[in-house]
Every structure is written in structure tokens, then in C-alpha cells.
């Protein structure tokens, strides 16, 4: 059993083969990005409000929400960056949208 653990590059415990959280989450990625096309600006505004409300429910400190609208002949593209104070909140937000 000890040999199997030594082959793993992550820090594990012999009892349960659990990986240390710091191996997976190191707070280097605190931004979640969303992009979507809409036929009307009103629909894009509704989506922005919906996603912003979701982010506000998760944040422990104010989430920086940066929304950009790009209008083209076929409609409007909404790009949003949600920057949370920690990577755990970013992951919770992303998983909550699935």
C-alpha cells in the first residue's frame, strides 16, 4: 500500500488517499468567464442580472463583475468576467451554473 502512495505526485494520506486541497486550489484562478449571443439587448441584460445575482449569493467579499456588450448585425454578444476573492468561490459559482 505504501508503494502506491509514493507513486502519486499529490500529497496524500495513507488512510484514505485524499488529496490536499492546496494541491488542487491555490487561488491562482479566481475569475469565471461567461459569453453568450442574444438577439435582443433586453435578453442580454436579463442574463447579466441573473448571473450577477448568482455571484452576489456566493461572494464573501464583493465580486468584481466586468460586463461587455458587443453589438453586431445578428444580435448582441455578452461577455462577463466574475472575479471572486478566492478560487473556492469561483468554483462554486461555476458548478452552480451547470
N, C-alpha and C. Protein backbone atom coordinates (compact mmCIF):
# COMPACT_ATOMS: atom_id res chain seq x y z
N UNK A 1 0.83 -1.19 0.00
CA UNK A 1 0.00 0.00 0.00
C UNK A 1 0.87 1.25 0.00
N UNK A 2 1.95 1.25 0.71
CA UNK A 2 2.82 2.42 0.77
C UNK A 2 3.43 2.73 -0.58
N UNK A 3 3.77 1.71 -1.38
CA UNK A 3 4.35 1.93 -2.70
C UNK A 3 3.39 2.68 -3.62
N UNK A 4 2.11 2.40 -3.55
CA UNK A 4 1.12 3.05 -4.40
C UNK A 4 1.05 4.54 -4.09
N UNK A 5 1.14 4.87 -2.84
CA UNK A 5 1.07 6.28 -2.44
C UNK A 5 2.31 7.02 -2.90
N UNK A 6 3.45 6.41 -2.83
CA UNK A 6 4.69 7.07 -3.25
C UNK A 6 4.69 7.41 -4.73
N UNK A 7 3.94 6.68 -5.55
CA UNK A 7 3.91 6.94 -6.99
C UNK A 7 3.07 8.16 -7.34
N UNK A 8 2.22 8.60 -6.44
CA UNK A 8 1.35 9.74 -6.70
C UNK A 8 2.12 11.03 -6.46
N UNK A 9 1.94 12.01 -7.33
CA UNK A 9 2.66 13.27 -7.19
C UNK A 9 1.98 14.22 -6.21
N UNK A 10 0.68 14.00 -5.92
CA UNK A 10 -0.03 14.86 -4.98
C UNK A 10 0.25 14.40 -3.55
N UNK A 11 0.08 15.30 -2.62
CA UNK A 11 0.24 14.95 -1.21
C UNK A 11 -0.99 14.18 -0.77
N UNK A 12 -0.81 12.94 -0.32
CA UNK A 12 -1.93 12.10 0.09
C UNK A 12 -1.70 11.56 1.48
N UNK A 13 -2.79 11.10 2.09
CA UNK A 13 -2.67 10.40 3.36
C UNK A 13 -2.89 8.92 3.10
N UNK A 14 -2.20 8.08 3.86
CA UNK A 14 -2.31 6.63 3.66
C UNK A 14 -3.69 6.11 4.02
N UNK A 15 -4.42 6.81 4.87
CA UNK A 15 -5.71 6.32 5.34
C UNK A 15 -6.78 6.31 4.25
N UNK A 16 -6.83 7.33 3.44
CA UNK A 16 -7.96 7.41 2.51
C UNK A 16 -7.58 7.86 1.10
N UNK A 17 -6.32 8.02 0.81
CA UNK A 17 -5.88 8.53 -0.49
C UNK A 17 -6.53 9.87 -0.83
N UNK A 18 -6.69 10.71 0.14
CA UNK A 18 -7.25 12.05 -0.07
C UNK A 18 -6.15 12.99 -0.54
N UNK A 19 -6.48 13.88 -1.44
CA UNK A 19 -5.52 14.87 -1.94
C UNK A 19 -5.68 16.15 -1.13
N UNK A 20 -4.58 16.74 -0.75
CA UNK A 20 -4.59 18.01 -0.05
C UNK A 20 -5.23 19.07 -0.92
N UNK A 21 -6.14 19.85 -0.36
CA UNK A 21 -6.86 20.88 -1.13
C UNK A 21 -5.89 21.85 -1.78
N UNK A 22 -4.78 22.18 -1.15
CA UNK A 22 -3.80 23.10 -1.71
C UNK A 22 -3.17 22.59 -2.99
N UNK A 23 -3.26 21.28 -3.24
CA UNK A 23 -2.75 20.71 -4.48
C UNK A 23 -3.64 21.07 -5.66
N UNK A 24 -4.94 21.20 -5.40
CA UNK A 24 -5.92 21.47 -6.45
C UNK A 24 -6.23 22.95 -6.56
N UNK A 25 -6.41 23.63 -5.43
CA UNK A 25 -6.79 25.05 -5.41
C UNK A 25 -5.68 25.87 -4.76
N UNK A 26 -5.08 26.75 -5.53
CA UNK A 26 -4.01 27.59 -4.99
C UNK A 26 -4.32 29.08 -5.12
N UNK A 27 -5.59 29.42 -5.36
CA UNK A 27 -6.05 30.81 -5.52
C UNK A 27 -5.41 31.52 -6.71
N UNK A 28 -4.95 30.76 -7.69
CA UNK A 28 -4.36 31.39 -8.87
C UNK A 28 -5.42 31.70 -9.93
N UNK A 29 -6.60 31.09 -9.82
CA UNK A 29 -7.65 31.30 -10.82
C UNK A 29 -8.94 31.70 -10.12
N UNK A 30 -9.16 32.99 -9.95
CA UNK A 30 -10.33 33.49 -9.24
C UNK A 30 -11.36 34.13 -10.17
N UNK A 31 -11.18 33.97 -11.48
CA UNK A 31 -12.08 34.58 -12.45
C UNK A 31 -12.83 33.52 -13.25
N UNK A 32 -14.16 33.69 -13.29
CA UNK A 32 -15.02 32.86 -14.13
C UNK A 32 -15.50 33.74 -15.28
N UNK A 33 -15.51 33.20 -16.48
CA UNK A 33 -15.90 33.96 -17.67
C UNK A 33 -17.14 33.35 -18.30
N UNK A 34 -18.06 34.21 -18.76
CA UNK A 34 -19.28 33.76 -19.42
C UNK A 34 -19.43 34.55 -20.71
N UNK A 35 -19.79 33.86 -21.81
CA UNK A 35 -20.06 34.50 -23.10
C UNK A 35 -21.31 33.89 -23.70
N UNK A 36 -22.14 34.73 -24.28
CA UNK A 36 -23.37 34.24 -24.92
C UNK A 36 -23.88 35.28 -25.92
N UNK A 37 -24.48 34.78 -27.01
CA UNK A 37 -25.10 35.63 -28.03
C UNK A 37 -26.58 35.75 -27.77
N UNK A 38 -27.14 36.95 -28.02
CA UNK A 38 -28.57 37.21 -27.84
C UNK A 38 -29.09 37.96 -29.07
N UNK A 39 -30.35 37.79 -29.34
CA UNK A 39 -30.95 38.52 -30.46
C UNK A 39 -31.34 39.94 -30.05
N UNK A 40 -31.60 40.15 -28.75
CA UNK A 40 -32.01 41.46 -28.26
C UNK A 40 -31.22 41.87 -27.03
N UNK A 41 -31.00 43.15 -26.88
CA UNK A 41 -30.25 43.68 -25.72
C UNK A 41 -30.99 43.37 -24.42
N UNK A 42 -32.31 43.42 -24.43
CA UNK A 42 -33.08 43.16 -23.21
C UNK A 42 -32.80 41.76 -22.67
N UNK A 43 -32.66 40.78 -23.55
CA UNK A 43 -32.36 39.41 -23.13
C UNK A 43 -30.96 39.33 -22.52
N UNK A 44 -30.02 40.05 -23.10
CA UNK A 44 -28.65 40.08 -22.57
C UNK A 44 -28.63 40.74 -21.19
N UNK A 45 -29.41 41.81 -21.04
CA UNK A 45 -29.49 42.49 -19.73
C UNK A 45 -30.08 41.56 -18.67
N UNK A 46 -31.09 40.78 -19.04
CA UNK A 46 -31.70 39.84 -18.09
C UNK A 46 -30.69 38.77 -17.66
N UNK A 47 -29.92 38.27 -18.60
CA UNK A 47 -28.91 37.26 -18.28
C UNK A 47 -27.84 37.84 -17.37
N UNK A 48 -27.40 39.06 -17.66
CA UNK A 48 -26.41 39.72 -16.82
C UNK A 48 -26.94 39.87 -15.39
N UNK A 49 -28.19 40.27 -15.24
CA UNK A 49 -28.77 40.44 -13.92
C UNK A 49 -28.87 39.09 -13.19
N UNK A 50 -29.28 38.05 -13.90
CA UNK A 50 -29.40 36.71 -13.33
C UNK A 50 -28.04 36.20 -12.82
N UNK A 51 -27.01 36.31 -13.67
CA UNK A 51 -25.68 35.84 -13.29
C UNK A 51 -25.07 36.68 -12.17
N UNK A 52 -25.32 37.98 -12.20
CA UNK A 52 -24.82 38.87 -11.15
C UNK A 52 -25.45 38.52 -9.81
N UNK A 53 -26.75 38.23 -9.82
CA UNK A 53 -27.43 37.84 -8.58
C UNK A 53 -26.84 36.54 -8.03
N UNK A 54 -26.55 35.58 -8.93
CA UNK A 54 -25.94 34.32 -8.51
C UNK A 54 -24.57 34.56 -7.87
N UNK A 55 -23.79 35.44 -8.48
CA UNK A 55 -22.45 35.75 -7.95
C UNK A 55 -22.56 36.41 -6.58
N UNK A 56 -23.52 37.31 -6.41
CA UNK A 56 -23.70 38.01 -5.13
C UNK A 56 -24.10 37.05 -4.01
N UNK A 57 -24.77 35.97 -4.35
CA UNK A 57 -25.17 34.97 -3.34
C UNK A 57 -23.96 34.19 -2.83
N UNK A 58 -22.91 34.11 -3.63
CA UNK A 58 -21.74 33.30 -3.31
C UNK A 58 -20.62 34.12 -2.67
N UNK A 59 -20.47 35.36 -3.08
CA UNK A 59 -19.32 36.17 -2.66
C UNK A 59 -19.22 36.35 -1.16
N UNK A 60 -17.98 36.31 -0.65
CA UNK A 60 -17.73 36.65 0.75
C UNK A 60 -17.24 38.09 0.83
N UNK A 61 -16.58 38.53 -0.22
CA UNK A 61 -16.18 39.92 -0.41
C UNK A 61 -16.74 40.31 -1.78
N UNK A 62 -16.91 41.60 -2.06
CA UNK A 62 -17.53 41.98 -3.33
C UNK A 62 -16.83 41.37 -4.56
N UNK A 63 -17.64 40.72 -5.37
CA UNK A 63 -17.17 40.13 -6.63
C UNK A 63 -17.07 41.26 -7.66
N UNK A 64 -15.97 41.31 -8.39
CA UNK A 64 -15.80 42.30 -9.45
C UNK A 64 -16.44 41.74 -10.72
N UNK A 65 -17.51 42.39 -11.18
CA UNK A 65 -18.24 41.93 -12.35
C UNK A 65 -17.98 42.91 -13.49
N UNK A 66 -17.34 42.41 -14.55
CA UNK A 66 -16.99 43.23 -15.71
C UNK A 66 -17.74 42.70 -16.92
N UNK A 67 -18.79 43.43 -17.34
CA UNK A 67 -19.62 43.01 -18.48
C UNK A 67 -19.31 43.87 -19.70
N UNK A 68 -19.26 43.20 -20.86
CA UNK A 68 -19.02 43.89 -22.12
C UNK A 68 -20.07 43.45 -23.13
N UNK A 69 -20.71 44.41 -23.78
CA UNK A 69 -21.70 44.13 -24.83
C UNK A 69 -21.09 44.50 -26.17
N UNK A 70 -21.19 43.59 -27.14
CA UNK A 70 -20.71 43.84 -28.49
C UNK A 70 -21.89 43.68 -29.44
N UNK A 71 -22.31 44.78 -30.05
CA UNK A 71 -23.45 44.74 -30.96
C UNK A 71 -22.97 44.46 -32.38
N UNK A 72 -23.65 43.52 -33.03
CA UNK A 72 -23.37 43.19 -34.42
C UNK A 72 -24.69 43.01 -35.13
N UNK A 73 -24.66 42.83 -36.44
CA UNK A 73 -25.87 42.74 -37.25
C UNK A 73 -26.79 41.61 -36.78
N UNK A 74 -26.22 40.48 -36.38
CA UNK A 74 -27.03 39.33 -35.97
C UNK A 74 -27.52 39.37 -34.54
N UNK A 75 -27.13 40.35 -33.77
CA UNK A 75 -27.55 40.42 -32.38
C UNK A 75 -26.50 41.09 -31.51
N UNK A 76 -26.43 40.63 -30.29
CA UNK A 76 -25.52 41.22 -29.32
C UNK A 76 -24.82 40.11 -28.54
N UNK A 77 -23.53 40.29 -28.34
CA UNK A 77 -22.74 39.32 -27.59
C UNK A 77 -22.45 39.90 -26.21
N UNK A 78 -22.69 39.08 -25.20
CA UNK A 78 -22.42 39.47 -23.82
C UNK A 78 -21.23 38.66 -23.32
N UNK A 79 -20.19 39.34 -22.89
CA UNK A 79 -19.02 38.72 -22.27
C UNK A 79 -18.94 39.26 -20.84
N UNK A 80 -18.81 38.36 -19.88
CA UNK A 80 -18.74 38.78 -18.47
C UNK A 80 -17.59 38.07 -17.79
N UNK A 81 -16.83 38.81 -17.00
CA UNK A 81 -15.80 38.25 -16.13
C UNK A 81 -16.25 38.48 -14.69
N UNK A 82 -16.30 37.40 -13.91
CA UNK A 82 -16.63 37.46 -12.49
C UNK A 82 -15.35 37.14 -11.73
N UNK A 83 -14.79 38.11 -11.03
CA UNK A 83 -13.58 37.88 -10.27
C UNK A 83 -13.92 37.86 -8.78
N UNK A 84 -13.77 36.67 -8.19
CA UNK A 84 -14.09 36.47 -6.79
C UNK A 84 -12.84 36.65 -5.94
N UNK A 85 -13.02 36.72 -4.63
CA UNK A 85 -11.89 36.93 -3.72
C UNK A 85 -11.08 35.65 -3.51
N UNK A 86 -11.66 34.49 -3.84
CA UNK A 86 -10.91 33.24 -3.70
C UNK A 86 -11.38 32.23 -4.74
N UNK A 87 -10.53 31.27 -5.02
CA UNK A 87 -10.80 30.28 -6.05
C UNK A 87 -11.97 29.37 -5.68
N UNK A 88 -12.17 29.12 -4.39
CA UNK A 88 -13.30 28.26 -3.98
C UNK A 88 -14.62 28.88 -4.40
N UNK A 89 -14.77 30.19 -4.24
CA UNK A 89 -16.00 30.86 -4.66
C UNK A 89 -16.18 30.79 -6.17
N UNK A 90 -15.09 30.92 -6.90
CA UNK A 90 -15.14 30.81 -8.36
C UNK A 90 -15.65 29.43 -8.76
N UNK A 91 -15.13 28.39 -8.12
CA UNK A 91 -15.55 27.03 -8.44
C UNK A 91 -17.01 26.79 -8.06
N UNK A 92 -17.44 27.31 -6.92
CA UNK A 92 -18.84 27.17 -6.51
C UNK A 92 -19.75 27.84 -7.52
N UNK A 93 -19.37 29.02 -7.97
CA UNK A 93 -20.15 29.75 -8.97
C UNK A 93 -20.25 28.95 -10.26
N UNK A 94 -19.13 28.46 -10.74
CA UNK A 94 -19.12 27.70 -12.00
C UNK A 94 -19.94 26.43 -11.88
N UNK A 95 -19.80 25.71 -10.80
CA UNK A 95 -20.55 24.47 -10.62
C UNK A 95 -22.04 24.74 -10.48
N UNK A 96 -22.40 25.87 -9.88
CA UNK A 96 -23.80 26.23 -9.72
C UNK A 96 -24.49 26.56 -11.03
N UNK A 97 -23.74 26.85 -12.06
CA UNK A 97 -24.32 27.19 -13.37
C UNK A 97 -24.49 25.97 -14.26
N UNK A 98 -24.04 24.81 -13.80
CA UNK A 98 -24.15 23.59 -14.61
C UNK A 98 -25.45 22.90 -14.40
